[in-house]
Amino acid sequence: MKINGPNHSNFNPYQKQMNKQMEPKKSSGQQDRLEISKQALNMQGNEKTHPSRQKKIDQIKHDIDTGNYQVNAKATAKKMLDFWSNKS
């Protein structure tokens, strides 16, 4: 005896919903746009590093290239703890 149940014609009552989900959404005519504030534009324009800061950056780069760069783990840990303890 073969029992197919009520859906023996392979009819899927949810097929219309599945097809609707698979269709690509039609655009409403609007396009995405990006707005950048004047302050952000000024920040982008100020990419030059202050000379004293640039000197420090160049020294660190030189130390890394020559293998002389040393990290002070205690000072780093202290600064991290200070930073996170001030957040709460």
PDB file of N, CA and C in Angstrom:
ATOM      1  N   MET A   1       0.839  -1.166   0.000  1.00  0.00           N
ATOM      2  CA  MET A   1       0.000   0.000   0.000  1.00  0.00           C
ATOM      3  C   MET A   1       0.891   1.238   0.000  1.00  0.00           C
ATOM      4  N   LYS A   2       0.600   2.220  -0.870  1.00  0.00           N
ATOM      5  CA  LYS A   2       1.394   3.436  -0.988  1.00  0.00           C
ATOM      6  C   LYS A   2       0.554   4.612  -0.505  1.00  0.00           C
ATOM      7  N   ILE A   3       1.109   5.371   0.463  1.00  0.00           N
ATOM      8  CA  ILE A   3       0.387   6.526   1.010  1.00  0.00           C
ATOM      9  C   ILE A   3       1.187   7.783   0.678  1.00  0.00           C
ATOM     10  N   ASN A   4       0.573   8.678  -0.057  1.00  0.00           N
ATOM     11  CA  ASN A   4       1.249   9.911  -0.442  1.00  0.00           C
ATOM     12  C   ASN A   4       0.836  11.096   0.415  1.00  0.00           C
ATOM     13  N   GLY A   5      -0.190  10.993   1.156  1.00  0.00           N
ATOM     14  CA  GLY A   5      -0.657  12.094   1.973  1.00  0.00           C
ATOM     15  C   GLY A   5      -1.407  13.115   1.157  1.00  0.00           C
ATOM     16  N   PRO A   6      -1.736  14.274   1.764  1.00  0.00           N
ATOM     17  CA  PRO A   6      -2.560  15.264   1.084  1.00  0.00           C
ATOM     18  C   PRO A   6      -1.830  16.018  -0.034  1.00  0.00           C
ATOM     19  N   ASN A   7      -0.508  15.930  -0.082  1.00  0.00           N
ATOM     20  CA  ASN A   7       0.262  16.697  -1.058  1.00  0.00           C
ATOM     21  C   ASN A   7       0.834  15.753  -2.112  1.00  0.00           C
ATOM     22  N   HIS A   8       0.021  14.885  -2.655  1.00  0.00           N
ATOM     23  CA  HIS A   8       0.513  13.866  -3.570  1.00  0.00           C
ATOM     24  C   HIS A   8       0.786  14.389  -4.978  1.00  0.00           C
ATOM     25  N   SER A   9       0.433  15.621  -5.271  1.00  0.00           N
ATOM     26  CA  SER A   9       0.657  16.170  -6.608  1.00  0.00           C
ATOM     27  C   SER A   9       1.943  17.008  -6.667  1.00  0.00           C
ATOM     28  N   ASN A  10       2.781  16.923  -5.641  1.00  0.00           N
ATOM     29  CA  ASN A  10       4.014  17.714  -5.533  1.00  0.00           C
ATOM     30  C   ASN A  10       3.732  19.216  -5.585  1.00  0.00           C
ATOM     31  N   PHE A  11       2.577  19.598  -5.119  1.00  0.00           N
ATOM     32  CA  PHE A  11       2.204  20.998  -5.043  1.00  0.00           C
ATOM     33  C   PHE A  11       2.796  21.579  -3.768  1.00  0.00           C
ATOM     34  N   ASN A  12       3.538  22.674  -3.909  1.00  0.00           N
ATOM     35  CA  ASN A  12       4.125  23.327  -2.745  1.00  0.00           C
ATOM     36  C   ASN A  12       3.370  24.622  -2.500  1.00  0.00           C
ATOM     37  N   PRO A  13       2.604  24.698  -1.407  1.00  0.00           N
ATOM     38  CA  PRO A  13       1.818  25.908  -1.158  1.00  0.00           C
ATOM     39  C   PRO A  13       2.693  27.134  -0.865  1.00  0.00           C
ATOM     40  N   TYR A  14       3.951  26.934  -0.599  1.00  0.00           N
ATOM     41  CA  TYR A  14       4.847  28.044  -0.273  1.00  0.00           C
ATOM     42  C   TYR A  14       5.735  28.438  -1.450  1.00  0.00           C
ATOM     43  N   GLN A  15       5.509  27.863  -2.621  1.00  0.00           N
ATOM     44  CA  GLN A  15       6.356  28.128  -3.785  1.00  0.00           C
ATOM     45  C   GLN A  15       6.327  29.600  -4.182  1.00  0.00           C
ATOM     46  N   LYS A  16       5.163  30.228  -4.127  1.00  0.00           N
ATOM     47  CA  LYS A  16       5.044  31.633  -4.510  1.00  0.00           C
ATOM     48  C   LYS A  16       5.888  32.515  -3.591  1.00  0.00           C
ATOM     49  N   GLN A  17       5.863  32.222  -2.303  1.00  0.00           N
ATOM     50  CA  GLN A  17       6.667  32.989  -1.347  1.00  0.00           C
ATOM     51  C   GLN A  17       8.158  32.770  -1.599  1.00  0.00           C
ATOM     52  N   MET A  18       8.555  31.548  -1.885  1.00  0.00           N
ATOM     53  CA  MET A  18       9.966  31.251  -2.142  1.00  0.00           C
ATOM     54  C   MET A  18      10.435  31.957  -3.406  1.00  0.00           C
ATOM     55  N   ASN A  19       9.603  31.978  -4.446  1.00  0.00           N
ATOM     56  CA  ASN A  19       9.970  32.664  -5.681  1.00  0.00           C
ATOM     57  C   ASN A  19      10.113  34.165  -5.463  1.00  0.00           C
ATOM     58  N   LYS A  20       9.232  34.724  -4.634  1.00  0.00           N
ATOM     59  CA  LYS A  20       9.277  36.152  -4.357  1.00  0.00           C
ATOM     60  C   LYS A  20      10.575  36.518  -3.625  1.00  0.00           C
ATOM     61  N   GLN A  21      11.027  35.667  -2.727  1.00  0.00           N
ATOM     62  CA  GLN A  21      12.256  35.928  -1.993  1.00  0.00           C
ATOM     63  C   GLN A  21      13.478  35.802  -2.888  1.00  0.00           C
ATOM     64  N   MET A  22      13.412  34.955  -3.887  1.00  0.00           N
ATOM     65  CA  MET A  22      14.552  34.723  -4.762  1.00  0.00           C
ATOM     66  C   MET A  22      14.707  35.821  -5.818  1.00  0.00           C
ATOM     67  N   GLU A  23      13.637  36.578  -6.096  1.00  0.00           N
ATOM     68  CA  GLU A  23      13.705  37.641  -7.089  1.00  0.00           C
ATOM     69  C   GLU A  23      14.605  38.758  -6.583  1.00  0.00           C
ATOM     70  N   PRO A  24      15.423  39.327  -7.470  1.00  0.00           N
ATOM     71  CA  PRO A  24      16.233  40.472  -7.032  1.00  0.00           C
ATOM     72  C   PRO A  24      15.325  41.665  -6.751  1.00  0.00           C
ATOM     73  N   LYS A  25      15.664  42.387  -5.731  1.00  0.00           N
ATOM     74  CA  LYS A  25      14.850  43.534  -5.360  1.00  0.00           C
ATOM     75  C   LYS A  25      15.037  44.638  -6.397  1.00  0.00           C
ATOM     76  N   LYS A  26      13.940  45.278  -6.752  1.00  0.00           N
ATOM     77  CA  LYS A  26      13.981  46.375  -7.709  1.00  0.00           C
ATOM     78  C   LYS A  26      14.378  47.643  -6.976  1.00  0.00           C
ATOM     79  N   SER A  27      15.242  48.405  -7.603  1.00  0.00           N
ATOM     80  CA  SER A  27      15.679  49.645  -6.967  1.00  0.00           C
ATOM     81  C   SER A  27      14.566  50.676  -7.038  1.00  0.00           C
ATOM     82  N   SER A  28      14.518  51.527  -6.082  1.00  0.00           N
ATOM     83  CA  SER A  28      13.471  52.542  -6.023  1.00  0.00           C
ATOM     84  C   SER A  28      13.910  53.819  -6.731  1.00  0.00           C
ATOM     85  N   GLY A  29      14.989  53.752  -7.489  1.00  0.00           N
ATOM     86  CA  GLY A  29      15.453  54.931  -8.202  1.00  0.00           C
ATOM     87  C   GLY A  29      16.467  55.731  -7.411  1.00  0.00           C
ATOM     88  N   GLN A  30      16.577  55.475  -6.145  1.00  0.00           N
ATOM     89  CA  GLN A  30      17.541  56.203  -5.330  1.00  0.00           C
ATOM     90  C   GLN A  30      18.867  55.456  -5.335  1.00  0.00           C
ATOM     91  N   GLN A  31      19.920  56.225  -5.300  1.00  0.00           N
ATOM     92  CA  GLN A  31      21.238  55.629  -5.237  1.00  0.00           C
ATOM     93  C   GLN A  31      21.851  55.939  -3.882  1.00  0.00           C
ATOM     94  N   ASP A  32      22.768  55.092  -3.471  1.00  0.00           N
ATOM     95  CA  ASP A  32      23.482  55.353  -2.234  1.00  0.00           C
ATOM     96  C   ASP A  32      24.346  56.594  -2.420  1.00  0.00           C
ATOM     97  N   ARG A  33      24.519  57.334  -1.354  1.00  0.00           N
ATOM     98  CA  ARG A  33      25.403  58.474  -1.430  1.00  0.00           C
ATOM     99  C   ARG A  33      26.151  58.623  -0.125  1.00  0.00           C
ATOM    100  N   LEU A  34      27.261  59.252  -0.211  1.00  0.00           N
ATOM    101  CA  LEU A  34      28.141  59.429   0.925  1.00  0.00           C
ATOM    102  C   LEU A  34      28.346  60.912   1.155  1.00  0.00           C
ATOM    103  N   GLU A  35      28.172  61.324   2.384  1.00  0.00           N
ATOM    104  CA  GLU A  35      28.390  62.719   2.738  1.00  0.00           C
ATOM    105  C   GLU A  35      29.504  62.789   3.773  1.00  0.00           C
ATOM    106  N   ILE A  36      30.471  63.630   3.498  1.00  0.00           N
ATOM    107  CA  ILE A  36      31.592  63.807   4.417  1.00  0.00           C
ATOM    108  C   ILE A  36      31.512  65.221   4.976  1.00  0.00           C
ATOM    109  N   SER A  37      31.573  65.323   6.282  1.00  0.00           N
ATOM    110  CA  SER A  37      31.457  66.633   6.913  1.00  0.00           C
ATOM    111  C   SER A  37      32.690  67.486   6.612  1.00  0.00           C
ATOM    112  N   LYS A  38      32.545  68.786   6.802  1.00  0.00           N
ATOM    113  CA  LYS A  38      33.669  69.706   6.585  1.00  0.00           C
ATOM    114  C   LYS A  38      34.814  69.380   7.539  1.00  0.00           C
ATOM    115  N   GLN A  39      34.460  68.997   8.755  1.00  0.00           N
ATOM    116  CA  GLN A  39      35.487  68.663   9.740  1.00  0.00           C
ATOM    117  C   GLN A  39      36.281  67.440   9.292  1.00  0.00           C
ATOM    118  N   ALA A  40      35.598  66.444   8.741  1.00  0.00           N
ATOM    119  CA  ALA A  40      36.289  65.251   8.258  1.00  0.00           C
ATOM    120  C   ALA A  40      37.175  65.582   7.067  1.00  0.00           C
ATOM    121  N   LEU A  41      36.701  66.452   6.195  1.00  0.00           N
ATOM    122  CA  LEU A  41      37.524  66.862   5.054  1.00  0.00           C
ATOM    123  C   LEU A  41      38.777  67.598   5.521  1.00  0.00           C
ATOM    124  N   ASN A  42      38.624  68.435   6.547  1.00  0.00           N
ATOM    125  CA  ASN A  42      39.790  69.135   7.097  1.00  0.00           C
ATOM    126  C   ASN A  42      40.781  68.151   7.702  1.00  0.00           C
ATOM    127  N   MET A  43      40.243  67.132   8.370  1.00  0.00           N
ATOM    128  CA  MET A  43      41.128  66.133   8.976  1.00  0.00           C
ATOM    129  C   MET A  43      41.887  65.360   7.900  1.00  0.00           C
ATOM    130  N   GLN A  44      41.221  65.073   6.791  1.00  0.00           N
ATOM    131  CA  GLN A  44      41.892  64.375   5.697  1.00  0.00           C
ATOM    132  C   GLN A  44      42.970  65.253   5.080  1.00  0.00           C
ATOM    133  N   GLY A  45      42.725  66.541   5.020  1.00  0.00           N
ATOM    134  CA  GLY A  45      43.695  67.461   4.427  1.00  0.00           C
ATOM    135  C   GLY A  45      44.910  67.671   5.297  1.00  0.00           C
ATOM    136  N   ASN A  46      44.766  67.440   6.589  1.00  0.00           N
ATOM    137  CA  ASN A  46      45.874  67.647   7.528  1.00  0.00           C
ATOM    138  C   ASN A  46      46.655  66.361   7.744  1.00  0.00           C
ATOM    139  N   GLU A  47      47.094  65.765   6.667  1.00  0.00           N
ATOM    140  CA  GLU A  47      47.818  64.500   6.785  1.00  0.00           C
ATOM    141  C   GLU A  47      49.294  64.701   7.118  1.00  0.00           C
ATOM    142  N   LYS A  48      49.745  65.944   7.108  1.00  0.00           N
ATOM    143  CA  LYS A  48      51.145  66.197   7.436  1.00  0.00           C
ATOM    144  C   LYS A  48      51.344  66.016   8.936  1.00  0.00           C
ATOM    145  N   THR A  49      52.416  65.345   9.267  1.00  0.00           N
ATOM    146  CA  THR A  49      52.731  65.085  10.666  1.00  0.00           C
ATOM    147  C   THR A  49      53.569  66.235  11.202  1.00  0.00           C
ATOM    148  N   HIS A  50      53.324  66.584  12.456  1.00  0.00           N
ATOM    149  CA  HIS A  50      54.104  67.632  13.105  1.00  0.00           C
ATOM    150  C   HIS A  50      55.582  67.222  13.081  1.00  0.00           C
ATOM    151  N   PRO A  51      56.493  68.159  12.843  1.00  0.00           N
ATOM    152  CA  PRO A  51      57.921  67.804  12.711  1.00  0.00           C
ATOM    153  C   PRO A  51      58.492  67.046  13.913  1.00  0.00           C
ATOM    154  N   SER A  52      58.103  67.428  15.130  1.00  0.00           N
ATOM    155  CA  SER A  52      58.639  66.725  16.300  1.00  0.00           C
ATOM    156  C   SER A  52      58.128  65.287  16.352  1.00  0.00           C
ATOM    157  N   ARG A  53      56.885  65.090  15.959  1.00  0.00           N
ATOM    158  CA  ARG A  53      56.309  63.743  15.919  1.00  0.00           C
ATOM    159  C   ARG A  53      56.947  62.926  14.802  1.00  0.00           C
ATOM    160  N   GLN A  54      57.201  63.562  13.663  1.00  0.00           N
ATOM    161  CA  GLN A  54      57.816  62.869  12.540  1.00  0.00           C
ATOM    162  C   GLN A  54      59.222  62.406  12.900  1.00  0.00           C
ATOM    163  N   LYS A  55      59.940  63.218  13.672  1.00  0.00           N
ATOM    164  CA  LYS A  55      61.296  62.842  14.108  1.00  0.00           C
ATOM    165  C   LYS A  55      61.241  61.572  14.962  1.00  0.00           C
ATOM    166  N   LYS A  56      60.270  61.492  15.856  1.00  0.00           N
ATOM    167  CA  LYS A  56      60.119  60.311  16.709  1.00  0.00           C
ATOM    168  C   LYS A  56      59.748  59.092  15.866  1.00  0.00           C
ATOM    169  N   ILE A  57      58.849  59.275  14.897  1.00  0.00           N
ATOM    170  CA  ILE A  57      58.445  58.167  14.017  1.00  0.00           C
ATOM    171  C   ILE A  57      59.634  57.656  13.226  1.00  0.00           C
ATOM    172  N   ASP A  58      60.424  58.577  12.681  1.00  0.00           N
ATOM    173  CA  ASP A  58      61.609  58.179  11.908  1.00  0.00           C
ATOM    174  C   ASP A  58      62.604  57.414  12.775  1.00  0.00           C
ATOM    175  N   GLN A  59      62.761  57.842  14.041  1.00  0.00           N
ATOM    176  CA  GLN A  59      63.690  57.153  14.954  1.00  0.00           C
ATOM    177  C   GLN A  59      63.208  55.730  15.247  1.00  0.00           C
ATOM    178  N   ILE A  60      61.912  55.575  15.465  1.00  0.00           N
ATOM    179  CA  ILE A  60      61.356  54.241  15.731  1.00  0.00           C
ATOM    180  C   ILE A  60      61.522  53.351  14.505  1.00  0.00           C
ATOM    181  N   LYS A  61      61.237  53.895  13.304  1.00  0.00           N
ATOM    182  CA  LYS A  61      61.427  53.120  12.075  1.00  0.00           C
ATOM    183  C   LYS A  61      62.869  52.677  11.923  1.00  0.00           C
ATOM    184  N   HIS A  62      63.789  53.582  12.211  1.00  0.00           N
ATOM    185  CA  HIS A  62      65.215  53.251  12.109  1.00  0.00           C
ATOM    186  C   HIS A  62      65.588  52.153  13.108  1.00  0.00           C
ATOM    187  N   ASP A  63      65.097  52.270  14.334  1.00  0.00           N
ATOM    188  CA  ASP A  63      65.392  51.261  15.356  1.00  0.00           C
ATOM    189  C   ASP A  63      64.824  49.897  14.971  1.00  0.00           C
ATOM    190  N   ILE A  64      63.637  49.878  14.391  1.00  0.00           N
ATOM    191  CA  ILE A  64      63.040  48.609  13.965  1.00  0.00           C
ATOM    192  C   ILE A  64      63.854  47.997  12.838  1.00  0.00           C
ATOM    193  N   ASP A  65      64.248  48.829  11.861  1.00  0.00           N
ATOM    194  CA  ASP A  65      65.025  48.329  10.725  1.00  0.00           C
ATOM    195  C   ASP A  65      66.377  47.770  11.149  1.00  0.00           C
ATOM    196  N   THR A  66      66.993  48.388  12.149  1.00  0.00           N
ATOM    197  CA  THR A  66      68.313  47.931  12.598  1.00  0.00           C
ATOM    198  C   THR A  66      68.233  46.849  13.668  1.00  0.00           C
ATOM    199  N   GLY A  67      67.014  46.571  14.156  1.00  0.00           N
ATOM    200  CA  GLY A  67      66.847  45.535  15.180  1.00  0.00           C
ATOM    201  C   GLY A  67      67.105  46.031  16.585  1.00  0.00           C
ATOM    202  N   ASN A  68      67.143  47.330  16.782  1.00  0.00           N
ATOM    203  CA  ASN A  68      67.429  47.909  18.105  1.00  0.00           C
ATOM    204  C   ASN A  68      66.187  48.365  18.850  1.00  0.00           C
ATOM    205  N   TYR A  69      65.013  48.154  18.290  1.00  0.00           N
ATOM    206  CA  TYR A  69      63.783  48.632  18.933  1.00  0.00           C
ATOM    207  C   TYR A  69      63.453  47.742  20.115  1.00  0.00           C
ATOM    208  N   GLN A  70      63.299  48.347  21.275  1.00  0.00           N
ATOM    209  CA  GLN A  70      62.979  47.625  22.503  1.00  0.00           C
ATOM    210  C   GLN A  70      61.638  48.122  23.039  1.00  0.00           C
ATOM    211  N   VAL A  71      60.792  47.189  23.449  1.00  0.00           N
ATOM    212  CA  VAL A  71      59.509  47.538  24.029  1.00  0.00           C
ATOM    213  C   VAL A  71      59.615  47.410  25.538  1.00  0.00           C
ATOM    214  N   ASN A  72      59.204  48.444  26.252  1.00  0.00           N
ATOM    215  CA  ASN A  72      59.179  48.410  27.706  1.00  0.00           C
ATOM    216  C   ASN A  72      57.816  47.841  28.108  1.00  0.00           C
ATOM    217  N   ALA A  73      57.802  46.559  28.433  1.00  0.00           N
ATOM    218  CA  ALA A  73      56.541  45.869  28.724  1.00  0.00           C
ATOM    219  C   ALA A  73      55.837  46.455  29.944  1.00  0.00           C
ATOM    220  N   LYS A  74      56.589  46.837  30.957  1.00  0.00           N
ATOM    221  CA  LYS A  74      55.974  47.394  32.166  1.00  0.00           C
ATOM    222  C   LYS A  74      55.300  48.737  31.880  1.00  0.00           C
ATOM    223  N   ALA A  75      55.962  49.580  31.110  1.00  0.00           N
ATOM    224  CA  ALA A  75      55.374  50.883  30.783  1.00  0.00           C
ATOM    225  C   ALA A  75      54.129  50.699  29.913  1.00  0.00           C
ATOM    226  N   THR A  76      54.188  49.752  28.985  1.00  0.00           N
ATOM    227  CA  THR A  76      53.037  49.481  28.124  1.00  0.00           C
ATOM    228  C   THR A  76      51.860  48.981  28.955  1.00  0.00           C
ATOM    229  N   ALA A  77      52.128  48.043  29.859  1.00  0.00           N
ATOM    230  CA  ALA A  77      51.065  47.496  30.705  1.00  0.00           C
ATOM    231  C   ALA A  77      50.465  48.582  31.596  1.00  0.00           C
ATOM    232  N   LYS A  78      51.309  49.451  32.133  1.00  0.00           N
ATOM    233  CA  LYS A  78      50.817  50.527  32.996  1.00  0.00           C
ATOM    234  C   LYS A  78      49.904  51.468  32.219  1.00  0.00           C
ATOM    235  N   LYS A  79      50.315  51.835  31.007  1.00  0.00           N
ATOM    236  CA  LYS A  79      49.478  52.724  30.200  1.00  0.00           C
ATOM    237  C   LYS A  79      48.151  52.064  29.839  1.00  0.00           C
ATOM    238  N   MET A  80      48.180  50.767  29.570  1.00  0.00           N
ATOM    239  CA  MET A  80      46.940  50.055  29.260  1.00  0.00           C
ATOM    240  C   MET A  80      46.011  50.037  30.473  1.00  0.00           C
ATOM    241  N   LEU A  81      46.576  49.767  31.644  1.00  0.00           N
ATOM    242  CA  LEU A  81      45.751  49.745  32.861  1.00  0.00           C
ATOM    243  C   LEU A  81      45.191  51.134  33.159  1.00  0.00           C
ATOM    244  N   ASP A  82      46.031  52.154  32.994  1.00  0.00           N
ATOM    245  CA  ASP A  82      45.551  53.528  33.223  1.00  0.00           C
ATOM    246  C   ASP A  82      44.415  53.867  32.266  1.00  0.00           C
ATOM    247  N   PHE A  83      44.566  53.484  31.023  1.00  0.00           N
ATOM    248  CA  PHE A  83      43.548  53.780  30.016  1.00  0.00           C
ATOM    249  C   PHE A  83      42.225  53.104  30.373  1.00  0.00           C
ATOM    250  N   TRP A  84      42.275  51.804  30.674  1.00  0.00           N
ATOM    251  CA  TRP A  84      41.045  51.079  30.938  1.00  0.00           C
ATOM    252  C   TRP A  84      40.452  51.398  32.301  1.00  0.00           C
ATOM    253  N   SER A  85      41.249  51.800  33.243  1.00  0.00           N
ATOM    254  CA  SER A  85      40.689  52.140  34.555  1.00  0.00           C
ATOM    255  C   SER A  85      39.986  53.495  34.500  1.00  0.00           C
ATOM    256  N   ASN A  86      40.368  54.366  33.562  1.00  0.00           N
ATOM    257  CA  ASN A  86      39.700  55.654  33.422  1.00  0.00           C
ATOM    258  C   ASN A  86      38.406  55.547  32.622  1.00  0.00           C
ATOM    259  N   LYS A  87      38.176  54.436  31.950  1.00  0.00           N
ATOM    260  CA  LYS A  87      36.970  54.258  31.139  1.00  0.00           C
ATOM    261  C   LYS A  87      35.742  53.941  31.997  1.00  0.00           C
ATOM    262  N   SER A  88      35.922  53.409  33.168  1.00  0.00           N
ATOM    263  CA  SER A  88      34.763  53.028  33.974  1.00  0.00           C
ATOM    264  C   SER A  88      34.289  54.090  34.900  1.00  0.00           C
TER     265      SER A  88
END
